[in-house]
């Protein structure tokens, strides 16, 4: 028996739909297909770029007419088939300079700020961590001497790769600098700290999605594992944390899966709330 109360599933990608090794459990793909066959929309909602998500939409058969996709932690909502943007939020040059000024204090502490602009990834250096990020994102970065020269126009997001200890220093500095007055920032995993436009996150994207599709937020299931998923989990009709989620996500979730991302957590959610198996 199919539960028709829920019309959409917004799902984080890394360490939620994907295993830790970035492969996808077969049971997730089977369950997603069954959900779609029963009229439920399955939408990727990720901190990744639209360029990276396009690869997964195609791989998972989500690039169909009428299906949307959410990139940049809610900063970019677009049609998965035509790639047409429906809602785009940018960081202004003035704010970008403020963010970079905070990040640049720690440039000698083994961290690497980078940014997305004009459907390209801009970096100042390639280290092992950055090389792996680019490989997993299917991107060829553009190397520049100074990111300050790139933010003369609006950008999608700024983020920093580095050791968690260093990133926490940057976050604490952002807190002290009252960065929350001009940007939204959060960890997407232990080694990535992200800066988004002010008041833009996956939760705001969930509400925008509901408005675009003319449905209620209560008709949406949101699934995630990390700090950048908290807002959409709070706003969804059912907010789900996978078993491997960080503690703050586990605390706000309506349901915590028994399975982790390596063993089909998303399939568990679909079977429970959509297919009612």
C-alpha atoms as a PDB file:
ATOM      1  CA  UNK A   1       0.000   0.000   0.000  1.00  0.00           C
ATOM      2  CA  UNK A   2       1.441   3.361  -1.051  1.00  0.00           C
ATOM      3  CA  UNK A   3       1.197   6.412   1.210  1.00  0.00           C
ATOM      4  CA  UNK A   4       0.097   9.321  -0.975  1.00  0.00           C
ATOM      5  CA  UNK A   5       0.450  11.864   1.820  1.00  0.00           C
ATOM      6  CA  UNK A   6       4.076  12.541   0.852  1.00  0.00           C
ATOM      7  CA  UNK A   7       4.670  13.931  -2.620  1.00  0.00           C
ATOM      8  CA  UNK A   8       8.388  14.677  -2.535  1.00  0.00           C
ATOM      9  CA  UNK A   9      11.587  13.413  -0.963  1.00  0.00           C
ATOM     10  CA  UNK A  10      14.452  15.895  -0.641  1.00  0.00           C
ATOM     11  CA  UNK A  11      17.608  13.903  -0.128  1.00  0.00           C
ATOM     12  CA  UNK A  12      21.154  14.878   0.707  1.00  0.00           C
ATOM     13  CA  UNK A  13      23.781  13.133  -1.390  1.00  0.00           C
ATOM     14  CA  UNK A  14      27.089  12.530   0.394  1.00  0.00           C
ATOM     15  CA  UNK A  15      26.947  10.165   3.375  1.00  0.00           C
ATOM     16  CA  UNK A  16      23.157   9.956   3.008  1.00  0.00           C
ATOM     17  CA  UNK A  17      22.203   8.597  -0.401  1.00  0.00           C
ATOM     18  CA  UNK A  18      25.828   7.724  -1.175  1.00  0.00           C
ATOM     19  CA  UNK A  19      28.045   5.494   0.901  1.00  0.00           C
ATOM     20  CA  UNK A  20      31.137   6.930   2.540  1.00  0.00           C
ATOM     21  CA  UNK A  21      33.121   5.672  -0.470  1.00  0.00           C
ATOM     22  CA  UNK A  22      30.811   7.695  -2.795  1.00  0.00           C
ATOM     23  CA  UNK A  23      29.117   4.643  -4.325  1.00  0.00           C
ATOM     24  CA  UNK A  24      25.360   4.117  -4.016  1.00  0.00           C
ATOM     25  CA  UNK A  25      23.710   1.069  -2.397  1.00  0.00           C
ATOM     26  CA  UNK A  26      21.673  -0.839  -4.961  1.00  0.00           C
ATOM     27  CA  UNK A  27      18.708  -1.014  -2.588  1.00  0.00           C
ATOM     28  CA  UNK A  28      18.536   2.789  -2.621  1.00  0.00           C
ATOM     29  CA  UNK A  29      18.254   2.879  -6.409  1.00  0.00           C
ATOM     30  CA  UNK A  30      15.573   0.191  -6.419  1.00  0.00           C
ATOM     31  CA  UNK A  31      13.538   2.021  -3.777  1.00  0.00           C
ATOM     32  CA  UNK A  32      13.891   5.381  -5.543  1.00  0.00           C
ATOM     33  CA  UNK A  33      12.564   3.878  -8.771  1.00  0.00           C
ATOM     34  CA  UNK A  34       9.577   2.404  -6.928  1.00  0.00           C
ATOM     35  CA  UNK A  35       8.842   5.762  -5.293  1.00  0.00           C
ATOM     36  CA  UNK A  36       9.002   7.563  -8.634  1.00  0.00           C
ATOM     37  CA  UNK A  37       6.824   4.903 -10.275  1.00  0.00           C
ATOM     38  CA  UNK A  38       4.240   5.669  -7.590  1.00  0.00           C
ATOM     39  CA  UNK A  39       4.233   9.382  -8.333  1.00  0.00           C
ATOM     40  CA  UNK A  40       6.667  10.611  -5.698  1.00  0.00           C
ATOM     41  CA  UNK A  41       9.327  13.123  -6.745  1.00  0.00           C
ATOM     42  CA  UNK A  42      12.864  12.335  -5.598  1.00  0.00           C
ATOM     43  CA  UNK A  43      15.015  15.481  -5.447  1.00  0.00           C
ATOM     44  CA  UNK A  44      18.721  15.759  -4.700  1.00  0.00           C
ATOM     45  CA  UNK A  45      19.418  18.578  -2.223  1.00  0.00           C
ATOM     46  CA  UNK A  46      23.150  18.995  -1.838  1.00  0.00           C
ATOM     47  CA  UNK A  47      25.922  21.421  -1.110  1.00  0.00           C
ATOM     48  CA  UNK A  48      27.479  20.298  -4.381  1.00  0.00           C
ATOM     49  CA  UNK A  49      27.401  22.400  -7.523  1.00  0.00           C
ATOM     50  CA  UNK A  50      24.782  21.974 -10.222  1.00  0.00           C
ATOM     51  CA  UNK A  51      27.549  20.679 -12.514  1.00  0.00           C
ATOM     52  CA  UNK A  52      28.309  17.851 -10.105  1.00  0.00           C
ATOM     53  CA  UNK A  53      24.644  17.059  -9.437  1.00  0.00           C
ATOM     54  CA  UNK A  54      23.906  16.846 -13.162  1.00  0.00           C
ATOM     55  CA  UNK A  55      26.105  13.739 -13.301  1.00  0.00           C
ATOM     56  CA  UNK A  56      24.182  12.052 -10.486  1.00  0.00           C
ATOM     57  CA  UNK A  57      20.769  13.053 -11.855  1.00  0.00           C
ATOM     58  CA  UNK A  58      21.669  11.376 -15.123  1.00  0.00           C
ATOM     59  CA  UNK A  59      23.165   8.341 -13.384  1.00  0.00           C
ATOM     60  CA  UNK A  60      20.108   7.831 -11.172  1.00  0.00           C
ATOM     61  CA  UNK A  61      17.515   8.645 -13.837  1.00  0.00           C
ATOM     62  CA  UNK A  62      16.393  11.814 -12.069  1.00  0.00           C
ATOM     63  CA  UNK A  63      16.864  14.105 -15.084  1.00  0.00           C
ATOM     64  CA  UNK A  64      13.239  13.749 -16.155  1.00  0.00           C
ATOM     65  CA  UNK A  65      10.752  16.417 -17.147  1.00  0.00           C
ATOM     66  CA  UNK A  66       9.270  18.141 -14.132  1.00  0.00           C
ATOM     67  CA  UNK A  67      11.985  17.011 -11.727  1.00  0.00           C
ATOM     68  CA  UNK A  68      13.977  19.696  -9.955  1.00  0.00           C
ATOM     69  CA  UNK A  69      17.335  19.742  -8.220  1.00  0.00           C
ATOM     70  CA  UNK A  70      18.773  21.794  -5.351  1.00  0.00           C
ATOM     71  CA  UNK A  71      22.461  22.750  -5.450  1.00  0.00           C
ATOM     72  CA  UNK A  72      24.792  24.951  -3.370  1.00  0.00           C
ATOM     73  CA  UNK A  73      22.971  24.191  -0.114  1.00  0.00           C
ATOM     74  CA  UNK A  74      19.769  25.750  -1.411  1.00  0.00           C
ATOM     75  CA  UNK A  75      21.298  28.592  -3.364  1.00  0.00           C
ATOM     76  CA  UNK A  76      20.366  27.182  -6.760  1.00  0.00           C
ATOM     77  CA  UNK A  77      17.114  25.413  -7.702  1.00  0.00           C
ATOM     78  CA  UNK A  78      16.816  24.253 -11.290  1.00  0.00           C
ATOM     79  CA  UNK A  79      15.077  21.883 -13.690  1.00  0.00           C
ATOM     80  CA  UNK A  80      16.916  18.574 -13.788  1.00  0.00           C
ATOM     81  CA  UNK A  81      16.128  17.946 -17.466  1.00  0.00           C
ATOM     82  CA  UNK A  82      16.561  21.348 -19.122  1.00  0.00           C
ATOM     83  CA  UNK A  83      19.036  22.666 -16.500  1.00  0.00           C
ATOM     84  CA  UNK A  84      17.020  25.904 -16.439  1.00  0.00           C
ATOM     85  CA  UNK A  85      17.498  27.812 -13.151  1.00  0.00           C
ATOM     86  CA  UNK A  86      14.282  28.610 -11.284  1.00  0.00           C
ATOM     87  CA  UNK A  87      15.737  30.288  -8.204  1.00  0.00           C
ATOM     88  CA  UNK A  88      19.291  31.554  -7.768  1.00  0.00           C
ATOM     89  CA  UNK A  89      20.801  33.330  -4.767  1.00  0.00           C
ATOM     90  CA  UNK A  90      24.229  34.927  -4.900  1.00  0.00           C
ATOM     91  CA  UNK A  91      26.818  36.363  -2.520  1.00  0.00           C
ATOM     92  CA  UNK A  92      27.580  39.976  -3.389  1.00  0.00           C
ATOM     93  CA  UNK A  93      31.159  41.209  -3.968  1.00  0.00           C
ATOM     94  CA  UNK A  94      31.077  43.229  -0.738  1.00  0.00           C
ATOM     95  CA  UNK A  95      30.107  40.194   1.343  1.00  0.00           C
ATOM     96  CA  UNK A  96      32.520  37.916  -0.525  1.00  0.00           C
ATOM     97  CA  UNK A  97      35.417  40.178   0.433  1.00  0.00           C
ATOM     98  CA  UNK A  98      34.300  40.077   4.075  1.00  0.00           C
ATOM     99  CA  UNK A  99      34.201  36.271   4.034  1.00  0.00           C
ATOM    100  CA  UNK A 100      37.576  35.965   2.322  1.00  0.00           C
ATOM    101  CA  UNK A 101      39.136  38.365   4.807  1.00  0.00           C
ATOM    102  CA  UNK A 102      38.180  35.949   7.587  1.00  0.00           C
ATOM    103  CA  UNK A 103      39.390  32.883   5.680  1.00  0.00           C
ATOM    104  CA  UNK A 104      42.675  34.450   4.587  1.00  0.00           C
ATOM    105  CA  UNK A 105      43.818  34.835   8.187  1.00  0.00           C
ATOM    106  CA  UNK A 106      44.326  31.078   8.206  1.00  0.00           C
ATOM    107  CA  UNK A 107      45.830  30.543   4.747  1.00  0.00           C
ATOM    108  CA  UNK A 108      49.081  29.272   6.288  1.00  0.00           C
ATOM    109  CA  UNK A 109      47.278  26.684   8.435  1.00  0.00           C
ATOM    110  CA  UNK A 110      46.761  23.945   5.846  1.00  0.00           C
ATOM    111  CA  UNK A 111      43.359  25.036   4.578  1.00  0.00           C
ATOM    112  CA  UNK A 112      42.198  25.993   1.120  1.00  0.00           C
ATOM    113  CA  UNK A 113      39.423  28.552   0.450  1.00  0.00           C
ATOM    114  CA  UNK A 114      37.712  28.249  -2.928  1.00  0.00           C
ATOM    115  CA  UNK A 115      34.537  29.425  -4.604  1.00  0.00           C
ATOM    116  CA  UNK A 116      31.974  28.762  -7.300  1.00  0.00           C
ATOM    117  CA  UNK A 117      31.228  31.374  -9.926  1.00  0.00           C
ATOM    118  CA  UNK A 118      29.927  31.192 -13.512  1.00  0.00           C
ATOM    119  CA  UNK A 119      29.587  27.397 -13.343  1.00  0.00           C
ATOM    120  CA  UNK A 120      33.271  27.029 -12.546  1.00  0.00           C
ATOM    121  CA  UNK A 121      35.290  26.161  -9.461  1.00  0.00           C
ATOM    122  CA  UNK A 122      38.018  28.690  -8.629  1.00  0.00           C
ATOM    123  CA  UNK A 123      40.980  27.778  -6.390  1.00  0.00           C
ATOM    124  CA  UNK A 124      44.394  29.190  -5.498  1.00  0.00           C
ATOM    125  CA  UNK A 125      46.192  25.875  -5.103  1.00  0.00           C
ATOM    126  CA  UNK A 126      45.815  22.155  -5.665  1.00  0.00           C
ATOM    127  CA  UNK A 127      46.682  19.953  -2.720  1.00  0.00           C
ATOM    128  CA  UNK A 128      45.714  16.335  -2.103  1.00  0.00           C
ATOM    129  CA  UNK A 129      42.436  17.257  -0.419  1.00  0.00           C
ATOM    130  CA  UNK A 130      41.457  19.639  -3.219  1.00  0.00           C
ATOM    131  CA  UNK A 131      42.416  17.136  -5.903  1.00  0.00           C
ATOM    132  CA  UNK A 132      40.180  14.498  -4.318  1.00  0.00           C
ATOM    133  CA  UNK A 133      37.309  16.987  -3.981  1.00  0.00           C
ATOM    134  CA  UNK A 134      37.539  17.901  -7.662  1.00  0.00           C
ATOM    135  CA  UNK A 135      37.699  14.263  -8.721  1.00  0.00           C
ATOM    136  CA  UNK A 136      34.591  13.391  -6.720  1.00  0.00           C
ATOM    137  CA  UNK A 137      32.808  16.485  -8.043  1.00  0.00           C
ATOM    138  CA  UNK A 138      33.704  15.781 -11.698  1.00  0.00           C
ATOM    139  CA  UNK A 139      35.219  19.253 -11.990  1.00  0.00           C
ATOM    140  CA  UNK A 140      38.339  20.782 -13.498  1.00  0.00           C
ATOM    141  CA  UNK A 141      39.248  23.760 -11.303  1.00  0.00           C
ATOM    142  CA  UNK A 142      40.578  27.112 -12.469  1.00  0.00           C
ATOM    143  CA  UNK A 143      43.712  28.100 -10.549  1.00  0.00           C
ATOM    144  CA  UNK A 144      44.201  31.807  -9.800  1.00  0.00           C
ATOM    145  CA  UNK A 145      46.681  33.748  -7.694  1.00  0.00           C
ATOM    146  CA  UNK A 146      44.096  35.489  -5.564  1.00  0.00           C
ATOM    147  CA  UNK A 147      40.386  34.808  -5.039  1.00  0.00           C
ATOM    148  CA  UNK A 148      39.907  38.484  -4.193  1.00  0.00           C
ATOM    149  CA  UNK A 149      40.242  39.177  -7.911  1.00  0.00           C
ATOM    150  CA  UNK A 150      37.402  36.767  -8.735  1.00  0.00           C
ATOM    151  CA  UNK A 151      34.745  38.236  -6.431  1.00  0.00           C
ATOM    152  CA  UNK A 152      34.312  41.513  -8.277  1.00  0.00           C
ATOM    153  CA  UNK A 153      31.010  39.992  -9.392  1.00  0.00           C
ATOM    154  CA  UNK A 154      28.400  37.919  -7.547  1.00  0.00           C
ATOM    155  CA  UNK A 155      29.263  34.286  -6.758  1.00  0.00           C
ATOM    156  CA  UNK A 156      27.398  31.137  -5.670  1.00  0.00           C
ATOM    157  CA  UNK A 157      29.308  30.198  -2.547  1.00  0.00           C
ATOM    158  CA  UNK A 158      32.664  30.276  -0.772  1.00  0.00           C
ATOM    159  CA  UNK A 159      33.931  27.234   1.078  1.00  0.00           C
ATOM    160  CA  UNK A 160      37.083  26.034   2.784  1.00  0.00           C
ATOM    161  CA  UNK A 161      38.677  22.600   2.782  1.00  0.00           C
ATOM    162  CA  UNK A 162      40.914  21.786   5.726  1.00  0.00           C
ATOM    163  CA  UNK A 163      41.455  20.021   8.996  1.00  0.00           C
ATOM    164  CA  UNK A 164      38.480  20.259  11.320  1.00  0.00           C
ATOM    165  CA  UNK A 165      40.531  22.011  14.004  1.00  0.00           C
ATOM    166  CA  UNK A 166      41.461  24.808  11.593  1.00  0.00           C
ATOM    167  CA  UNK A 167      37.944  25.091  10.200  1.00  0.00           C
ATOM    168  CA  UNK A 168      36.572  25.463  13.714  1.00  0.00           C
ATOM    169  CA  UNK A 169      38.983  28.366  14.228  1.00  0.00           C
ATOM    170  CA  UNK A 170      37.609  29.989  11.088  1.00  0.00           C
ATOM    171  CA  UNK A 171      34.040  29.387  12.202  1.00  0.00           C
ATOM    172  CA  UNK A 172      34.767  30.843  15.637  1.00  0.00           C
ATOM    173  CA  UNK A 173      36.365  33.860  13.978  1.00  0.00           C
ATOM    174  CA  UNK A 174      33.257  34.222  11.794  1.00  0.00           C
ATOM    175  CA  UNK A 175      31.106  34.093  14.927  1.00  0.00           C
ATOM    176  CA  UNK A 176      33.171  36.777  16.616  1.00  0.00           C
ATOM    177  CA  UNK A 177      33.041  38.877  13.434  1.00  0.00           C
ATOM    178  CA  UNK A 178      29.218  38.641  13.427  1.00  0.00           C
ATOM    179  CA  UNK A 179      29.333  36.939  10.037  1.00  0.00           C
ATOM    180  CA  UNK A 180      25.822  35.629  10.678  1.00  0.00           C
ATOM    181  CA  UNK A 181      24.646  39.186   9.942  1.00  0.00           C
ATOM    182  CA  UNK A 182      25.753  38.876   6.314  1.00  0.00           C
ATOM    183  CA  UNK A 183      26.063  35.156   5.473  1.00  0.00           C
ATOM    184  CA  UNK A 184      24.812  31.685   6.343  1.00  0.00           C
ATOM    185  CA  UNK A 185      27.627  29.304   7.215  1.00  0.00           C
ATOM    186  CA  UNK A 186      27.844  25.700   8.370  1.00  0.00           C
ATOM    187  CA  UNK A 187      29.813  22.478   8.097  1.00  0.00           C
ATOM    188  CA  UNK A 188      28.799  20.059   5.348  1.00  0.00           C
ATOM    189  CA  UNK A 189      31.271  17.551   6.766  1.00  0.00           C
ATOM    190  CA  UNK A 190      34.228  17.633   9.148  1.00  0.00           C
ATOM    191  CA  UNK A 191      36.582  18.963   6.489  1.00  0.00           C
ATOM    192  CA  UNK A 192      34.347  21.462   4.640  1.00  0.00           C
ATOM    193  CA  UNK A 193      33.085  24.779   6.014  1.00  0.00           C
ATOM    194  CA  UNK A 194      30.665  26.556   3.670  1.00  0.00           C
ATOM    195  CA  UNK A 195      29.469  30.152   3.341  1.00  0.00           C
ATOM    196  CA  UNK A 196      26.124  30.749   1.624  1.00  0.00           C
ATOM    197  CA  UNK A 197      24.103  33.892   0.933  1.00  0.00           C
ATOM    198  CA  UNK A 198      22.374  35.225   4.040  1.00  0.00           C
ATOM    199  CA  UNK A 199      19.266  33.226   5.061  1.00  0.00           C
ATOM    200  CA  UNK A 200      19.810  30.705   2.259  1.00  0.00           C
ATOM    201  CA  UNK A 201      20.111  27.063   3.180  1.00  0.00           C
ATOM    202  CA  UNK A 202      18.428  23.760   2.422  1.00  0.00           C
ATOM    203  CA  UNK A 203      15.491  24.732   4.612  1.00  0.00           C
ATOM    204  CA  UNK A 204      14.816  27.901   2.626  1.00  0.00           C
ATOM    205  CA  UNK A 205      15.139  25.815  -0.559  1.00  0.00           C
ATOM    206  CA  UNK A 206      12.591  23.325   0.751  1.00  0.00           C
ATOM    207  CA  UNK A 207      10.110  26.163   1.224  1.00  0.00           C
ATOM    208  CA  UNK A 208      10.896  27.598  -2.208  1.00  0.00           C
ATOM    209  CA  UNK A 209      10.466  24.160  -3.746  1.00  0.00           C
ATOM    210  CA  UNK A 210       7.080  23.761  -2.061  1.00  0.00           C
ATOM    211  CA  UNK A 211       5.992  27.132  -3.437  1.00  0.00           C
ATOM    212  CA  UNK A 212       7.193  26.289  -6.952  1.00  0.00           C
ATOM    213  CA  UNK A 213       5.349  22.970  -6.892  1.00  0.00           C
ATOM    214  CA  UNK A 214       2.333  24.385  -5.033  1.00  0.00           C
ATOM    215  CA  UNK A 215       2.483  21.768  -2.296  1.00  0.00           C
ATOM    216  CA  UNK A 216       2.709  21.944   1.490  1.00  0.00           C
ATOM    217  CA  UNK A 217       6.007  21.509   3.330  1.00  0.00           C
ATOM    218  CA  UNK A 218       4.164  18.825   5.293  1.00  0.00           C
ATOM    219  CA  UNK A 219       4.031  16.765   2.097  1.00  0.00           C
ATOM    220  CA  UNK A 220       7.831  16.657   1.898  1.00  0.00           C
ATOM    221  CA  UNK A 221      10.247  14.178   3.471  1.00  0.00           C
ATOM    222  CA  UNK A 222      13.817  15.435   3.984  1.00  0.00           C
ATOM    223  CA  UNK A 223      16.757  13.105   4.599  1.00  0.00           C
ATOM    224  CA  UNK A 224      20.261  14.118   5.668  1.00  0.00           C
ATOM    225  CA  UNK A 225      23.275  13.536   7.865  1.00  0.00           C
ATOM    226  CA  UNK A 226      25.166  16.762   8.544  1.00  0.00           C
ATOM    227  CA  UNK A 227      24.872  20.314   9.849  1.00  0.00           C
ATOM    228  CA  UNK A 228      23.840  21.757   6.480  1.00  0.00           C
ATOM    229  CA  UNK A 229      20.839  19.370   6.482  1.00  0.00           C
ATOM    230  CA  UNK A 230      19.394  20.556   9.796  1.00  0.00           C
ATOM    231  CA  UNK A 231      17.300  23.370   8.323  1.00  0.00           C
ATOM    232  CA  UNK A 232      15.509  21.198   5.765  1.00  0.00           C
ATOM    233  CA  UNK A 233      14.964  18.426   8.307  1.00  0.00           C
ATOM    234  CA  UNK A 234      13.287  20.965  10.592  1.00  0.00           C
ATOM    235  CA  UNK A 235      11.026  22.347   7.842  1.00  0.00           C
ATOM    236  CA  UNK A 236       9.921  19.026   6.335  1.00  0.00           C
ATOM    237  CA  UNK A 237       6.748  17.130   7.113  1.00  0.00           C
ATOM    238  CA  UNK A 238       9.042  14.300   8.162  1.00  0.00           C
ATOM    239  CA  UNK A 239      12.674  15.107   8.851  1.00  0.00           C
ATOM    240  CA  UNK A 240      14.923  12.054   8.738  1.00  0.00           C
ATOM    241  CA  UNK A 241      18.470  11.557   9.998  1.00  0.00           C
ATOM    242  CA  UNK A 242      20.421   8.589   8.722  1.00  0.00           C
ATOM    243  CA  UNK A 243      22.047   6.493  11.440  1.00  0.00           C
ATOM    244  CA  UNK A 244      25.514   7.940  10.752  1.00  0.00           C
ATOM    245  CA  UNK A 245      24.327  11.554  11.137  1.00  0.00           C
ATOM    246  CA  UNK A 246      26.058  13.984  13.479  1.00  0.00           C
ATOM    247  CA  UNK A 247      24.486  14.373  16.903  1.00  0.00           C
ATOM    248  CA  UNK A 248      22.702  17.713  16.287  1.00  0.00           C
ATOM    249  CA  UNK A 249      20.953  16.200  13.251  1.00  0.00           C
ATOM    250  CA  UNK A 250      19.912  13.136  15.236  1.00  0.00           C
ATOM    251  CA  UNK A 251      18.385  15.417  17.866  1.00  0.00           C
ATOM    252  CA  UNK A 252      16.151  17.409  15.499  1.00  0.00           C
ATOM    253  CA  UNK A 253      15.004  14.509  13.317  1.00  0.00           C
ATOM    254  CA  UNK A 254      11.500  13.051  13.482  1.00  0.00           C
ATOM    255  CA  UNK A 255      12.927   9.673  12.548  1.00  0.00           C
ATOM    256  CA  UNK A 256      16.397   8.132  12.711  1.00  0.00           C
ATOM    257  CA  UNK A 257      17.053   5.203  10.400  1.00  0.00           C
ATOM    258  CA  UNK A 258      18.370   1.902  11.646  1.00  0.00           C
ATOM    259  CA  UNK A 259      20.541   1.629   8.538  1.00  0.00           C
ATOM    260  CA  UNK A 260      23.444   3.952   7.868  1.00  0.00           C
ATOM    261  CA  UNK A 261      24.402   5.395   4.498  1.00  0.00           C
ATOM    262  CA  UNK A 262      26.517   2.336   3.723  1.00  0.00           C
ATOM    263  CA  UNK A 263      23.597  -0.048   4.117  1.00  0.00           C
ATOM    264  CA  UNK A 264      20.608   1.552   2.399  1.00  0.00           C
ATOM    265  CA  UNK A 265      19.241   4.188   4.784  1.00  0.00           C
ATOM    266  CA  UNK A 266      17.329   5.958   2.000  1.00  0.00           C
ATOM    267  CA  UNK A 267      15.655   2.706   0.946  1.00  0.00           C
ATOM    268  CA  UNK A 268      14.566   2.242   4.572  1.00  0.00           C
ATOM    269  CA  UNK A 269      12.865   5.657   4.531  1.00  0.00           C
ATOM    270  CA  UNK A 270      11.080   5.010   1.235  1.00  0.00           C
ATOM    271  CA  UNK A 271       9.924   1.585   2.358  1.00  0.00           C
ATOM    272  CA  UNK A 272       8.620   2.966   5.647  1.00  0.00           C
ATOM    273  CA  UNK A 273       6.962   6.223   4.596  1.00  0.00           C
ATOM    274  CA  UNK A 274       6.096   5.746   0.915  1.00  0.00           C
ATOM    275  CA  UNK A 275       5.674   2.042   0.173  1.00  0.00           C
ATOM    276  CA  UNK A 276       4.715   1.214   3.771  1.00  0.00           C
ATOM    277  CA  UNK A 277       6.463  -2.138   3.694  1.00  0.00           C
END
